Amino acid sequence: MNKLTTLSAAALLALALTGCDKAAEAPKTDKPVAEVKQEAPAAEVKQDTVKAEEPKAEEPKADNTAQDVNAAAEYKKLVDWEVVQGQKLEGLAAQVQADLQTALQKNDPALLEKTLNDYSAQLDGVIKEFDGLNFQSDEIKNLAAKKKDYYRLSSEGLAMTINTMLKPSDEAQKALQQHVETLQKMAMEIDGLDKAFAQKYSQQ
């Protein structure tokens, strides 16, 4: 039964994935919010006098309103797309949880392996679909890239879970724990960005 205790990481990974699809309800975070607010169109009023002194050259101010409207539409597109992906993964995530409990009770690692592989394959499909979204807004591209990275690392985490389950060792368990912690930090950052974008574009 000891080697099956490592399967608890699969539960964390599955829960983290479904939790990411509901980013607006996620834990508080301060840094990403401040990050996003750099792009708020506050300096718009003094276009001619202040432009030369702007420290953030990466943010063009000329078409700010049009850019914000476009970014708002693209953010909604990303959120809607993730809702669909979340629905696809939700049932399988629940199956992972059920199989985890059964595997622990029966001391049968093979019972969970196929489910984890199926879940990982679904994640790989989600990752590939990111490339077809074709966002134009730099800030939405950046957010989508972070989410794509999160799904990719989650898929890698599932592979690590399977390997740790089949060949348990202290080293493998430590690596898996660090991987889960990395995912949790990434989820908090993404949740903060989602919260900031939802607030920024709520009236557009």
Protein backbone atom coordinates (compact mmCIF):
# COMPACT_ATOMS: atom_id res chain seq x y z
CA MET A 1 0.00 0.00 0.00
CA ASN A 2 2.94 2.39 0.58
CA LYS A 3 3.75 2.75 -3.09
CA LEU A 4 0.17 3.75 -3.78
CA THR A 5 0.35 6.75 -1.48
CA THR A 6 2.16 8.56 -4.31
CA LEU A 7 -1.07 8.41 -6.31
CA SER A 8 -2.43 11.25 -4.19
CA ALA A 9 -0.47 13.55 -6.49
CA ALA A 10 -2.79 12.52 -9.32
CA ALA A 11 -5.70 13.87 -7.31
CA LEU A 12 -3.92 17.20 -6.83
CA LEU A 13 -3.13 17.44 -10.53
CA ALA A 14 -6.68 16.63 -11.59
CA LEU A 15 -8.15 19.13 -9.14
CA ALA A 16 -5.65 21.79 -10.20
CA LEU A 17 -6.64 21.36 -13.84
CA THR A 18 -10.37 21.72 -13.28
CA GLY A 19 -9.71 24.60 -10.87
CA CYS A 20 -7.76 26.51 -13.51
CA ASP A 21 -10.83 26.58 -15.79
CA LYS A 22 -12.64 28.62 -13.14
CA ALA A 23 -9.87 31.16 -12.69
CA ALA A 24 -12.10 34.05 -11.72
CA GLU A 25 -13.02 32.30 -8.46
CA ALA A 26 -9.44 31.43 -7.52
CA PRO A 27 -7.20 32.47 -4.61
CA LYS A 28 -6.04 36.06 -4.20
CA THR A 29 -2.77 37.21 -5.68
CA ASP A 30 -1.32 40.68 -5.83
CA LYS A 31 1.59 40.63 -8.26
CA PRO A 32 -0.24 39.71 -11.46
CA VAL A 33 -2.89 42.36 -10.82
CA ALA A 34 -0.25 45.06 -10.59
CA GLU A 35 1.37 43.65 -13.71
CA VAL A 36 -1.77 43.96 -15.79
CA LYS A 37 -2.60 47.41 -14.58
CA GLN A 38 0.48 48.72 -16.40
CA GLU A 39 -1.65 48.63 -19.54
CA ALA A 40 -4.53 50.70 -18.16
CA PRO A 41 -5.22 53.66 -20.48
CA ALA A 42 -4.63 56.33 -17.82
CA ALA A 43 -2.02 58.32 -19.76
CA GLU A 44 -4.31 58.67 -22.76
CA VAL A 45 -5.24 62.31 -21.95
CA LYS A 46 -1.69 63.63 -22.40
CA GLN A 47 -0.76 61.90 -25.61
CA ASP A 48 1.36 64.71 -27.10
CA THR A 49 3.28 65.89 -24.05
CA VAL A 50 4.13 62.71 -22.20
CA LYS A 51 4.72 60.19 -24.96
CA ALA A 52 8.48 60.74 -25.24
CA GLU A 53 8.98 60.14 -21.51
CA GLU A 54 6.94 56.92 -21.27
CA PRO A 55 9.15 54.24 -19.62
CA LYS A 56 6.97 51.40 -20.96
CA ALA A 57 7.80 51.54 -24.65
CA GLU A 58 6.23 48.13 -25.22
CA GLU A 59 2.71 49.56 -24.76
CA PRO A 60 1.59 51.65 -27.77
CA LYS A 61 -0.92 54.29 -26.74
CA ALA A 62 -2.24 55.43 -30.13
CA ASP A 63 -5.21 53.10 -30.58
CA ASN A 64 -5.75 52.27 -26.95
CA THR A 65 -9.54 52.07 -27.02
CA ALA A 66 -9.66 49.90 -30.12
CA GLN A 67 -6.91 47.68 -28.72
CA ASP A 68 -8.75 47.27 -25.42
CA VAL A 69 -11.98 46.34 -27.19
CA ASN A 70 -10.11 43.77 -29.27
CA ALA A 71 -8.33 42.39 -26.19
CA ALA A 72 -11.66 42.21 -24.34
CA ALA A 73 -13.20 40.17 -27.17
CA GLU A 74 -10.17 37.89 -27.28
CA TYR A 75 -10.22 37.41 -23.52
CA LYS A 76 -13.88 36.36 -23.72
CA LYS A 77 -12.98 33.98 -26.54
CA LEU A 78 -10.27 32.40 -24.36
CA VAL A 79 -12.59 32.08 -21.36
CA ASP A 80 -15.39 30.53 -23.44
CA TRP A 81 -12.94 28.11 -25.04
CA GLU A 82 -11.64 27.05 -21.62
CA VAL A 83 -15.16 26.39 -20.37
CA VAL A 84 -15.62 23.90 -23.21
CA GLN A 85 -12.27 22.26 -22.46
CA GLY A 86 -13.14 22.10 -18.77
CA GLN A 87 -16.35 20.25 -19.55
CA LYS A 88 -14.39 17.72 -21.58
CA LEU A 89 -11.90 17.11 -18.78
CA GLU A 90 -14.27 17.26 -15.82
CA GLY A 91 -15.75 13.78 -16.23
CA LEU A 92 -12.36 12.18 -16.69
CA ALA A 93 -10.97 14.04 -13.67
CA ALA A 94 -13.82 12.62 -11.57
CA GLN A 95 -12.97 9.15 -12.89
CA VAL A 96 -9.34 9.65 -11.84
CA GLN A 97 -10.53 10.42 -8.32
CA ALA A 98 -12.78 7.36 -8.20
CA ASP A 99 -10.07 5.08 -9.59
CA LEU A 100 -7.59 6.51 -7.11
CA GLN A 101 -9.75 5.46 -4.19
CA THR A 102 -10.35 2.00 -5.66
CA ALA A 103 -6.65 1.54 -6.40
CA LEU A 104 -5.72 2.47 -2.84
CA GLN A 105 -8.25 0.01 -1.45
CA LYS A 106 -7.22 -2.84 -3.76
CA ASN A 107 -3.50 -2.06 -3.83
CA ASP A 108 -3.65 -2.14 -7.64
CA PRO A 109 -1.56 0.57 -9.39
CA ALA A 110 -2.43 -0.78 -12.85
CA LEU A 111 -6.07 0.15 -12.28
CA LEU A 112 -5.26 3.85 -12.41
CA GLU A 113 -2.58 3.81 -15.11
CA LYS A 114 -4.95 3.71 -18.12
CA THR A 115 -7.12 6.50 -16.73
CA LEU A 116 -4.09 8.72 -16.17
CA ASN A 117 -2.84 8.01 -19.68
CA ASP A 118 -6.26 8.88 -21.12
CA TYR A 119 -6.37 12.11 -19.12
CA SER A 120 -2.86 12.99 -20.29
CA ALA A 121 -3.91 12.40 -23.91
CA GLN A 122 -6.87 14.76 -23.43
CA LEU A 123 -4.52 17.41 -22.05
CA ASP A 124 -2.21 17.00 -25.03
CA GLY A 125 -5.22 17.67 -27.26
CA VAL A 126 -6.01 20.85 -25.33
CA ILE A 127 -2.40 22.01 -25.67
CA LYS A 128 -2.48 21.55 -29.46
CA GLU A 129 -5.72 23.51 -29.73
CA PHE A 130 -4.12 26.56 -28.08
CA ASP A 131 -2.09 27.16 -31.25
CA GLY A 132 -5.26 27.47 -33.32
CA LEU A 133 -6.75 30.30 -31.27
CA ASN A 134 -4.69 32.98 -33.13
CA PHE A 135 -4.86 35.85 -30.65
CA GLN A 136 -3.69 39.30 -31.80
CA SER A 137 -3.55 41.13 -28.45
CA ASP A 138 -0.11 40.84 -26.85
CA GLU A 139 -1.51 40.60 -23.32
CA ILE A 140 -3.98 37.87 -24.28
CA LYS A 141 -1.24 36.03 -26.18
CA ASN A 142 0.87 36.19 -23.02
CA LEU A 143 -1.97 34.85 -20.85
CA ALA A 144 -2.73 32.05 -23.33
CA ALA A 145 0.97 31.10 -23.42
CA LYS A 146 1.03 30.83 -19.62
CA LYS A 147 -2.08 28.65 -19.65
CA LYS A 148 -0.67 26.46 -22.41
CA ASP A 149 2.50 26.03 -20.35
CA TYR A 150 0.40 25.12 -17.32
CA TYR A 151 -1.46 22.38 -19.21
CA ARG A 152 1.83 21.09 -20.65
CA LEU A 153 3.43 20.84 -17.21
CA SER A 154 0.27 19.21 -15.87
CA SER A 155 0.53 16.54 -18.56
CA GLU A 156 4.17 16.00 -17.61
CA GLY A 157 3.08 15.75 -13.98
CA LEU A 158 0.68 12.94 -14.82
CA ALA A 159 3.50 11.04 -16.54
CA MET A 160 5.65 11.58 -13.44
CA THR A 161 2.79 10.30 -11.29
CA ILE A 162 2.56 7.08 -13.29
CA ASN A 163 6.33 6.54 -13.13
CA THR A 164 6.42 7.24 -9.40
CA MET A 165 3.52 4.88 -8.88
CA LEU A 166 5.20 2.03 -10.78
CA LYS A 167 8.75 2.66 -9.52
CA PRO A 168 8.41 4.41 -6.17
CA SER A 169 11.45 6.04 -4.60
CA ASP A 170 12.14 8.95 -2.26
CA GLU A 171 13.80 10.85 -5.10
CA ALA A 172 10.82 10.37 -7.44
CA GLN A 173 8.37 11.39 -4.75
CA LYS A 174 10.36 14.54 -3.98
CA ALA A 175 10.52 15.48 -7.67
CA LEU A 176 6.78 14.93 -8.03
CA GLN A 177 6.04 17.05 -4.97
CA GLN A 178 8.18 19.89 -6.34
CA HIS A 179 6.37 19.60 -9.67
CA VAL A 180 2.99 19.89 -7.97
CA GLU A 181 4.20 22.95 -6.02
CA THR A 182 5.36 24.56 -9.27
CA LEU A 183 1.92 23.94 -10.78
CA GLN A 184 0.23 25.47 -7.76
CA LYS A 185 2.36 28.63 -8.06
CA MET A 186 1.62 28.86 -11.77
CA ALA A 187 -2.10 28.42 -11.09
CA MET A 188 -2.03 31.30 -8.59
CA GLU A 189 -0.27 33.57 -11.09
CA ILE A 190 -2.73 32.69 -13.85
CA ASP A 191 -5.68 33.13 -11.51
CA GLY A 192 -4.41 36.61 -10.61
CA LEU A 193 -4.13 37.56 -14.27
CA ASP A 194 -7.59 36.19 -14.99
CA LYS A 195 -9.07 38.16 -12.12
CA ALA A 196 -7.36 41.36 -13.29
CA PHE A 197 -8.46 40.90 -16.91
CA ALA A 198 -12.04 40.09 -15.89
CA GLN A 199 -12.16 43.34 -13.90
CA LYS A 200 -10.44 45.37 -16.63
CA TYR A 201 -12.77 44.23 -19.40
CA SER A 202 -15.99 43.83 -17.41
CA GLN A 203 -17.51 47.02 -18.84
CA GLN A 204 -16.42 46.50 -22.45
